[in-house]
Amino acid sequence: MIALIIAGGSGTRLWPLSTPDFPKHLLKINDDENSLLQSTYERAKTISNDIFVVSEVGHAEHVKNQLPDLPDQNFIIEPARRGTASCIALALNKIKTLKNIDEPIAIISADHYIRDIDGFKYSFKMASKITQKLDRIVLIGAEPTYPSTGFGYIKKGQLVDENYSVFSVDSFKEKPDFDTATKYLKSGNYVWNCGYFVASIKTFEKEMKGNAPELYQKYSSLSNGKLDKYLEFEIISIDYALIEKANDLLVIPATFDWMDLGSFNDLAKSVEANEDGNYILGNVKTDSVTNCYIQNTETKPIAIIGLDNCVVVNTKEGMLVARKDLSQKVGEISKKFL
């Protein structure tokens, strides 16, 4: 199996910790020694000896610096961000020149937080076996642990293989409201859409030809390293361009923990809090503060009194003060500064 790590991102959702030049996959979380990207790379090594990383030119040097052991030919540089559909098409076209098109490729994101490495390895090995057996794209979805309104969902269809807990994909659901998400959770029929796919290049090509001809045309235009029209490509996700149009998709419920870290609220759940529910890092003093995520990367001290359920982050890029439950709004407001 080949592993393809998608290391893109606009760097807005965790601003000011992340920026367009230094997106969140380059950050270290929970005082870990490795960044999210480096941890993803270590996980990828448990399922593959052939790892490729696709990254946007604006932060490609940071990506290369964090992965010094990866051969230069295994870095695929996107000339500009054009969404996951375009960057995956670019990467598959490059890998096609180097590897067997019948070998499964695991497409994984660089900015997810996962602790259960054995479970991760098992799920992807299982997906690899299924795609080789049935010649279909296999998705891996995370079992919901709470009624999230921030994630997309996959509704499971018929059980295809009980030995591997493989289901057909019934449908995709956009980010629901809280009541709908609660129904999804209680039903047991839905998994979070993690954006993980496993299939061979041959299978991806078959699905693009049959269900996403515009994407296949883009993919074909990139042959022989031609990038002259790349900037003209539509910015679109792989979900909209291909996955939600494809036929006969399969999904496997993940056997590992998963966090997307799409907001500071998510980030706060991944770190180790003190007895007051606070995560505090840097030159910070508090009084009567509870359930807060606080980080100060600058030397100037910060004093905080009487806050609850808040995010306070200070870096050289700026300062953020927000309610944790409204931190999904950070992406939009940060764009006003960038």
Protein backbone atom coordinates (compact mmCIF):
# COMPACT_ATOMS: atom_id res chain seq x y z
CA MET A 1 0.00 0.00 0.00
CA ILE A 2 1.10 3.56 -0.81
CA ALA A 3 0.34 6.41 1.61
CA LEU A 4 -0.47 9.91 0.35
CA ILE A 5 -0.49 12.64 3.01
CA ILE A 6 -2.45 15.79 2.18
CA ALA A 7 -0.55 18.63 3.86
CA GLY A 8 -2.47 21.70 2.76
CA GLY A 9 -4.67 24.18 4.57
CA SER A 10 -5.25 27.91 4.80
CA GLY A 11 -4.10 28.30 8.41
CA THR A 12 -7.17 30.29 9.45
CA ARG A 13 -9.18 28.09 11.81
CA LEU A 14 -6.57 28.06 14.60
CA TRP A 15 -5.34 31.63 14.05
CA PRO A 16 -3.15 33.10 15.47
CA LEU A 17 -1.39 29.80 16.29
CA SER A 18 -1.66 28.86 12.62
CA THR A 19 -1.29 31.13 9.59
CA PRO A 20 -1.37 30.65 5.79
CA ASP A 21 2.42 30.32 5.89
CA PHE A 22 2.31 27.92 8.84
CA PRO A 23 -0.96 25.89 8.83
CA LYS A 24 -2.08 23.75 11.74
CA HIS A 25 -0.50 20.50 10.53
CA LEU A 26 2.88 22.11 11.28
CA LEU A 27 1.92 22.80 14.91
CA LYS A 28 2.82 20.74 17.96
CA ILE A 29 -0.23 19.83 20.04
CA ASN A 30 -0.43 18.98 23.75
CA ASP A 31 3.32 19.53 24.23
CA ASP A 32 4.06 16.62 21.87
CA GLU A 33 7.56 16.30 20.49
CA ASN A 34 6.19 15.96 16.96
CA SER A 35 3.98 18.26 14.94
CA LEU A 36 0.67 16.91 13.61
CA LEU A 37 2.38 16.37 10.25
CA GLN A 38 5.27 14.47 11.81
CA SER A 39 2.88 12.31 13.82
CA THR A 40 0.88 11.58 10.66
CA TYR A 41 4.09 10.60 8.89
CA GLU A 42 4.97 8.19 11.72
CA ARG A 43 1.49 6.63 11.50
CA ALA A 44 1.80 6.35 7.73
CA LYS A 45 5.03 4.38 8.15
CA THR A 46 3.03 1.66 9.97
CA ILE A 47 0.99 0.97 6.82
CA SER A 48 3.39 1.79 3.99
CA ASN A 49 7.01 1.93 2.89
CA ASP A 50 6.07 4.33 0.07
CA ILE A 51 4.92 7.67 1.45
CA PHE A 52 4.19 10.78 -0.60
CA VAL A 53 3.28 14.23 0.69
CA VAL A 54 1.44 16.83 -1.35
CA SER A 55 1.83 20.40 -0.12
CA GLU A 56 1.10 23.91 -1.35
CA VAL A 57 4.11 25.97 -2.43
CA GLY A 58 3.51 28.65 0.24
CA HIS A 59 4.55 26.38 3.09
CA ALA A 60 6.34 23.57 1.25
CA GLU A 61 9.71 24.43 2.76
CA HIS A 62 8.32 24.07 6.29
CA VAL A 63 6.90 20.68 5.32
CA LYS A 64 10.23 19.52 3.89
CA ASN A 65 12.10 20.76 6.95
CA GLN A 66 9.82 18.75 9.23
CA LEU A 67 10.25 15.56 7.17
CA PRO A 68 14.00 15.45 6.43
CA ASP A 69 14.03 11.66 5.87
CA LEU A 70 11.53 11.74 3.00
CA PRO A 71 13.16 11.65 -0.47
CA ASP A 72 12.74 14.82 -2.50
CA GLN A 73 10.87 13.02 -5.28
CA ASN A 74 8.20 12.04 -2.72
CA PHE A 75 7.21 15.67 -2.16
CA ILE A 76 4.55 16.84 -4.60
CA ILE A 77 4.27 20.63 -4.65
CA GLU A 78 0.99 22.28 -5.59
CA PRO A 79 1.69 25.65 -7.30
CA ALA A 80 -1.33 27.20 -5.56
CA ARG A 81 -4.21 25.97 -3.39
CA ARG A 82 -7.00 24.65 -5.59
CA GLY A 83 -8.86 22.40 -3.17
CA THR A 84 -8.41 18.74 -2.35
CA ALA A 85 -9.78 17.51 -5.70
CA SER A 86 -7.05 19.25 -7.68
CA CYS A 87 -4.21 18.44 -5.30
CA ILE A 88 -5.19 14.75 -5.18
CA ALA A 89 -5.41 14.66 -8.99
CA LEU A 90 -1.95 16.21 -9.13
CA ALA A 91 -0.56 13.70 -6.64
CA LEU A 92 -2.12 10.63 -8.28
CA ASN A 93 -0.76 11.71 -11.64
CA LYS A 94 2.75 11.99 -10.19
CA ILE A 95 2.56 8.68 -8.33
CA LYS A 96 1.32 6.98 -11.50
CA THR A 97 4.70 7.63 -13.11
CA LEU A 98 6.52 5.92 -10.24
CA LYS A 99 4.32 3.10 -8.96
CA ASN A 100 2.00 0.29 -10.03
CA ILE A 101 -1.49 1.66 -10.74
CA ASP A 102 -3.04 -1.47 -9.20
CA GLU A 103 -1.50 -0.85 -5.78
CA PRO A 104 -3.89 0.64 -3.20
CA ILE A 105 -3.26 4.22 -2.08
CA ALA A 106 -4.33 5.43 1.36
CA ILE A 107 -5.18 9.13 1.24
CA ILE A 108 -4.86 10.70 4.69
CA SER A 109 -4.83 14.21 6.13
CA ALA A 110 -1.81 15.69 7.87
CA ASP A 111 -3.73 17.66 10.50
CA HIS A 112 -5.72 14.98 12.36
CA TYR A 113 -5.04 14.00 15.96
CA ILE A 114 -4.98 10.21 16.54
CA ARG A 115 -3.55 8.29 19.48
CA ASP A 116 -4.46 4.64 18.71
CA ILE A 117 -1.77 3.74 16.19
CA ASP A 118 -2.58 0.01 16.19
CA GLY A 119 -6.23 0.75 15.44
CA PHE A 120 -5.22 3.10 12.64
CA LYS A 121 -2.98 0.44 11.11
CA TYR A 122 -5.70 -2.22 11.34
CA SER A 123 -8.38 -0.07 9.69
CA PHE A 124 -6.21 0.90 6.73
CA LYS A 125 -4.88 -2.61 6.21
CA MET A 126 -8.48 -3.83 6.20
CA ALA A 127 -9.50 -1.13 3.70
CA SER A 128 -6.58 -2.12 1.48
CA LYS A 129 -7.74 -5.75 1.38
CA ILE A 130 -11.32 -4.75 0.58
CA THR A 131 -10.48 -2.38 -2.27
CA GLN A 132 -8.22 -5.00 -3.84
CA LYS A 133 -10.93 -7.63 -3.51
CA LEU A 134 -13.89 -5.57 -4.77
CA ASP A 135 -12.26 -2.85 -6.93
CA ARG A 136 -14.19 -0.09 -5.13
CA ILE A 137 -13.20 3.05 -3.24
CA VAL A 138 -13.22 2.38 0.50
CA LEU A 139 -13.81 5.21 2.98
CA ILE A 140 -12.93 5.09 6.65
CA GLY A 141 -15.35 6.92 8.93
CA ALA A 142 -15.03 7.64 12.66
CA GLU A 143 -17.68 6.42 15.08
CA PRO A 144 -19.36 9.56 16.53
CA THR A 145 -18.73 10.12 20.22
CA TYR A 146 -20.98 13.19 20.57
CA PRO A 147 -23.58 15.01 18.40
CA SER A 148 -21.16 17.15 16.40
CA THR A 149 -22.57 19.89 14.20
CA GLY A 150 -19.16 20.62 12.72
CA PHE A 151 -18.52 17.37 10.83
CA GLY A 152 -20.10 15.79 7.78
CA TYR A 153 -21.63 12.33 8.18
CA ILE A 154 -21.79 9.13 6.14
CA LYS A 155 -24.91 6.99 6.43
CA LYS A 156 -24.09 3.31 6.36
CA GLY A 157 -26.04 1.10 3.94
CA GLN A 158 -26.07 -2.67 3.66
CA LEU A 159 -23.47 -4.81 5.41
CA VAL A 160 -21.21 -6.04 2.60
CA ASP A 161 -18.70 -8.14 4.52
CA GLU A 162 -19.41 -9.01 8.14
CA ASN A 163 -15.90 -10.36 8.67
CA TYR A 164 -14.48 -6.87 8.08
CA SER A 165 -17.51 -4.74 9.11
CA VAL A 166 -17.69 -3.23 5.63
CA PHE A 167 -20.83 -1.35 4.60
CA SER A 168 -22.06 0.19 1.39
CA VAL A 169 -22.40 3.98 1.51
CA ASP A 170 -26.06 4.94 1.60
CA SER A 171 -25.59 8.73 1.47
CA PHE A 172 -23.59 11.71 2.65
CA LYS A 173 -25.00 14.26 5.07
CA GLU A 174 -23.80 17.83 5.44
CA LYS A 175 -23.04 19.36 8.82
CA PRO A 176 -26.36 18.90 10.68
CA ASP A 177 -28.05 20.96 13.38
CA PHE A 178 -27.78 19.69 16.94
CA ASP A 179 -31.09 17.81 17.03
CA THR A 180 -30.29 16.01 13.76
CA ALA A 181 -26.77 15.19 14.95
CA THR A 182 -28.26 13.74 18.14
CA LYS A 183 -30.54 11.49 16.07
CA TYR A 184 -27.57 10.37 13.98
CA LEU A 185 -25.62 9.50 17.12
CA LYS A 186 -28.48 7.54 18.71
CA SER A 187 -29.27 5.58 15.53
CA GLY A 188 -25.83 4.02 15.20
CA ASN A 189 -26.20 4.22 11.41
CA TYR A 190 -23.81 7.11 10.81
CA VAL A 191 -20.08 7.74 10.99
CA TRP A 192 -18.17 10.99 10.76
CA ASN A 193 -16.68 11.66 7.33
CA CYS A 194 -12.94 11.80 8.04
CA GLY A 195 -11.90 12.33 4.43
CA TYR A 196 -9.95 9.06 4.35
CA PHE A 197 -10.02 7.08 1.09
CA VAL A 198 -8.32 3.87 -0.01
CA ALA A 199 -8.22 2.66 -3.64
CA SER A 200 -5.78 2.05 -6.45
CA ILE A 201 -5.05 4.64 -9.13
CA LYS A 202 -6.81 2.31 -11.57
CA THR A 203 -9.95 2.38 -9.41
CA PHE A 204 -9.80 6.16 -8.94
CA GLU A 205 -9.45 6.58 -12.71
CA LYS A 206 -12.45 4.33 -13.33
CA GLU A 207 -14.61 6.37 -10.94
CA MET A 208 -13.43 9.69 -12.38
CA LYS A 209 -14.14 8.59 -15.96
CA GLY A 210 -17.60 7.35 -15.09
CA ASN A 211 -18.79 9.90 -12.54
CA ALA A 212 -16.56 12.98 -12.59
CA PRO A 213 -15.46 13.61 -16.20
CA GLU A 214 -14.44 17.21 -15.47
CA LEU A 215 -12.08 16.03 -12.76
CA TYR A 216 -10.74 13.30 -15.03
CA GLN A 217 -10.05 15.93 -17.70
CA LYS A 218 -8.04 17.96 -15.15
CA TYR A 219 -6.25 14.82 -14.05
CA SER A 220 -5.33 13.92 -17.63
CA SER A 221 -4.13 17.45 -18.39
CA LEU A 222 -1.47 17.09 -15.69
CA SER A 223 0.30 14.24 -17.48
CA ASN A 224 4.03 14.67 -17.99
CA GLY A 225 4.19 17.27 -15.23
CA LYS A 226 2.23 19.93 -17.15
CA LEU A 227 1.12 22.57 -14.64
CA ASP A 228 0.50 25.52 -16.97
CA LYS A 229 -3.31 25.39 -16.50
CA TYR A 230 -3.32 24.45 -12.82
CA LEU A 231 -4.10 27.99 -11.65
CA GLU A 232 -7.24 27.91 -13.82
CA PHE A 233 -8.62 24.87 -11.98
CA GLU A 234 -11.77 25.35 -9.94
CA ILE A 235 -11.29 25.33 -6.17
CA ILE A 236 -13.31 22.31 -5.11
CA SER A 237 -13.07 19.51 -2.58
CA ILE A 238 -12.64 15.87 -3.53
CA ASP A 239 -15.97 15.14 -1.81
CA TYR A 240 -17.95 17.40 -4.14
CA ALA A 241 -15.89 16.67 -7.24
CA LEU A 242 -15.84 12.87 -7.00
CA ILE A 243 -16.71 11.05 -3.80
CA GLU A 244 -20.35 12.15 -3.53
CA LYS A 245 -20.85 11.33 -7.22
CA ALA A 246 -19.13 7.95 -7.24
CA ASN A 247 -21.04 4.68 -7.39
CA ASP A 248 -20.70 1.65 -5.13
CA LEU A 249 -18.63 3.30 -2.41
CA LEU A 250 -17.81 1.33 0.70
CA VAL A 251 -17.20 2.52 4.26
CA ILE A 252 -15.45 0.95 7.23
CA PRO A 253 -16.07 2.30 10.76
CA ALA A 254 -12.68 3.27 12.17
CA THR A 255 -11.16 1.21 14.96
CA PHE A 256 -9.23 4.22 16.29
CA ASP A 257 -9.87 7.55 17.98
CA TRP A 258 -10.05 10.59 15.70
CA MET A 259 -10.10 14.36 16.10
CA ASP A 260 -10.09 16.87 13.27
CA LEU A 261 -9.01 19.86 15.40
CA GLY A 262 -11.12 22.15 13.26
CA SER A 263 -11.56 24.73 16.01
CA PHE A 264 -10.12 25.75 19.37
CA ASN A 265 -13.04 23.93 20.99
CA ASP A 266 -11.79 20.72 19.37
CA LEU A 267 -8.21 21.57 20.28
CA ALA A 268 -9.19 22.08 23.92
CA LYS A 269 -10.61 18.54 24.01
CA SER A 270 -7.32 17.05 22.81
CA VAL A 271 -5.04 18.62 25.42
CA GLU A 272 -4.51 17.80 29.09
CA ALA A 273 -6.41 20.21 31.34
CA ASN A 274 -5.69 20.98 35.01
CA GLU A 275 -8.12 20.50 37.90
CA ASP A 276 -10.00 23.68 36.88
CA GLY A 277 -10.47 22.45 33.32
CA ASN A 278 -7.84 24.86 32.00
CA TYR A 279 -4.99 24.28 29.56
CA ILE A 280 -2.39 26.98 30.19
CA LEU A 281 0.90 27.38 28.35
CA GLY A 282 3.33 30.28 28.52
CA ASN A 283 3.75 33.33 30.74
CA VAL A 284 0.20 33.40 32.14
CA LYS A 285 -1.30 34.04 35.58
CA THR A 286 -4.97 33.36 36.35
CA ASP A 287 -7.54 33.89 39.09
CA SER A 288 -11.04 32.35 39.10
CA VAL A 289 -10.59 30.97 35.58
CA THR A 290 -12.26 27.70 34.53
CA ASN A 291 -12.64 25.57 31.37
CA CYS A 292 -10.36 27.76 29.28
CA TYR A 293 -7.70 27.20 26.63
CA ILE A 294 -4.90 29.73 27.19
CA GLN A 295 -1.62 29.97 25.32
CA ASN A 296 0.92 32.79 25.29
CA THR A 297 3.93 32.33 23.01
CA GLU A 298 5.30 35.82 23.72
CA THR A 299 7.44 36.94 26.68
CA LYS A 300 5.05 39.71 27.78
CA PRO A 301 2.91 38.33 30.66
CA ILE A 302 -0.86 37.84 30.46
CA ALA A 303 -3.13 38.08 33.52
CA ILE A 304 -6.65 36.63 33.26
CA ILE A 305 -9.38 36.94 35.89
CA GLY A 306 -12.88 35.51 36.04
CA LEU A 307 -13.26 33.84 32.65
CA ASP A 308 -15.04 30.58 31.90
CA ASN A 309 -15.38 28.63 28.62
CA CYS A 310 -12.97 30.90 26.77
CA VAL A 311 -9.98 30.81 24.45
CA VAL A 312 -7.13 33.28 24.93
CA VAL A 313 -4.21 32.95 22.52
CA ASN A 314 -1.40 35.45 22.10
CA THR A 315 1.35 35.10 19.47
CA LYS A 316 3.50 37.43 17.40
CA GLU A 317 0.79 37.16 14.71
CA GLY A 318 -1.96 38.54 16.94
CA MET A 319 -4.27 37.91 19.89
CA LEU A 320 -7.52 35.96 20.02
CA VAL A 321 -10.13 36.12 22.79
CA ALA A 322 -13.27 34.07 22.18
CA ARG A 323 -15.86 31.82 23.76
CA LYS A 324 -14.85 28.21 23.17
CA ASP A 325 -18.28 27.27 21.85
CA LEU A 326 -18.05 30.05 19.24
CA SER A 327 -14.48 29.31 18.18
CA GLN A 328 -15.63 27.89 14.83
CA LYS A 329 -16.02 31.56 13.83
CA VAL A 330 -12.27 32.14 14.10
CA GLY A 331 -11.63 31.07 10.50
CA GLU A 332 -13.84 33.80 9.06
CA ILE A 333 -12.74 36.64 11.31
CA SER A 334 -9.05 35.80 10.89
CA LYS A 335 -9.37 36.32 7.13
CA LYS A 336 -9.94 40.01 7.83
CA PHE A 337 -6.29 40.21 8.95
CA LEU A 338 -4.73 37.94 6.33
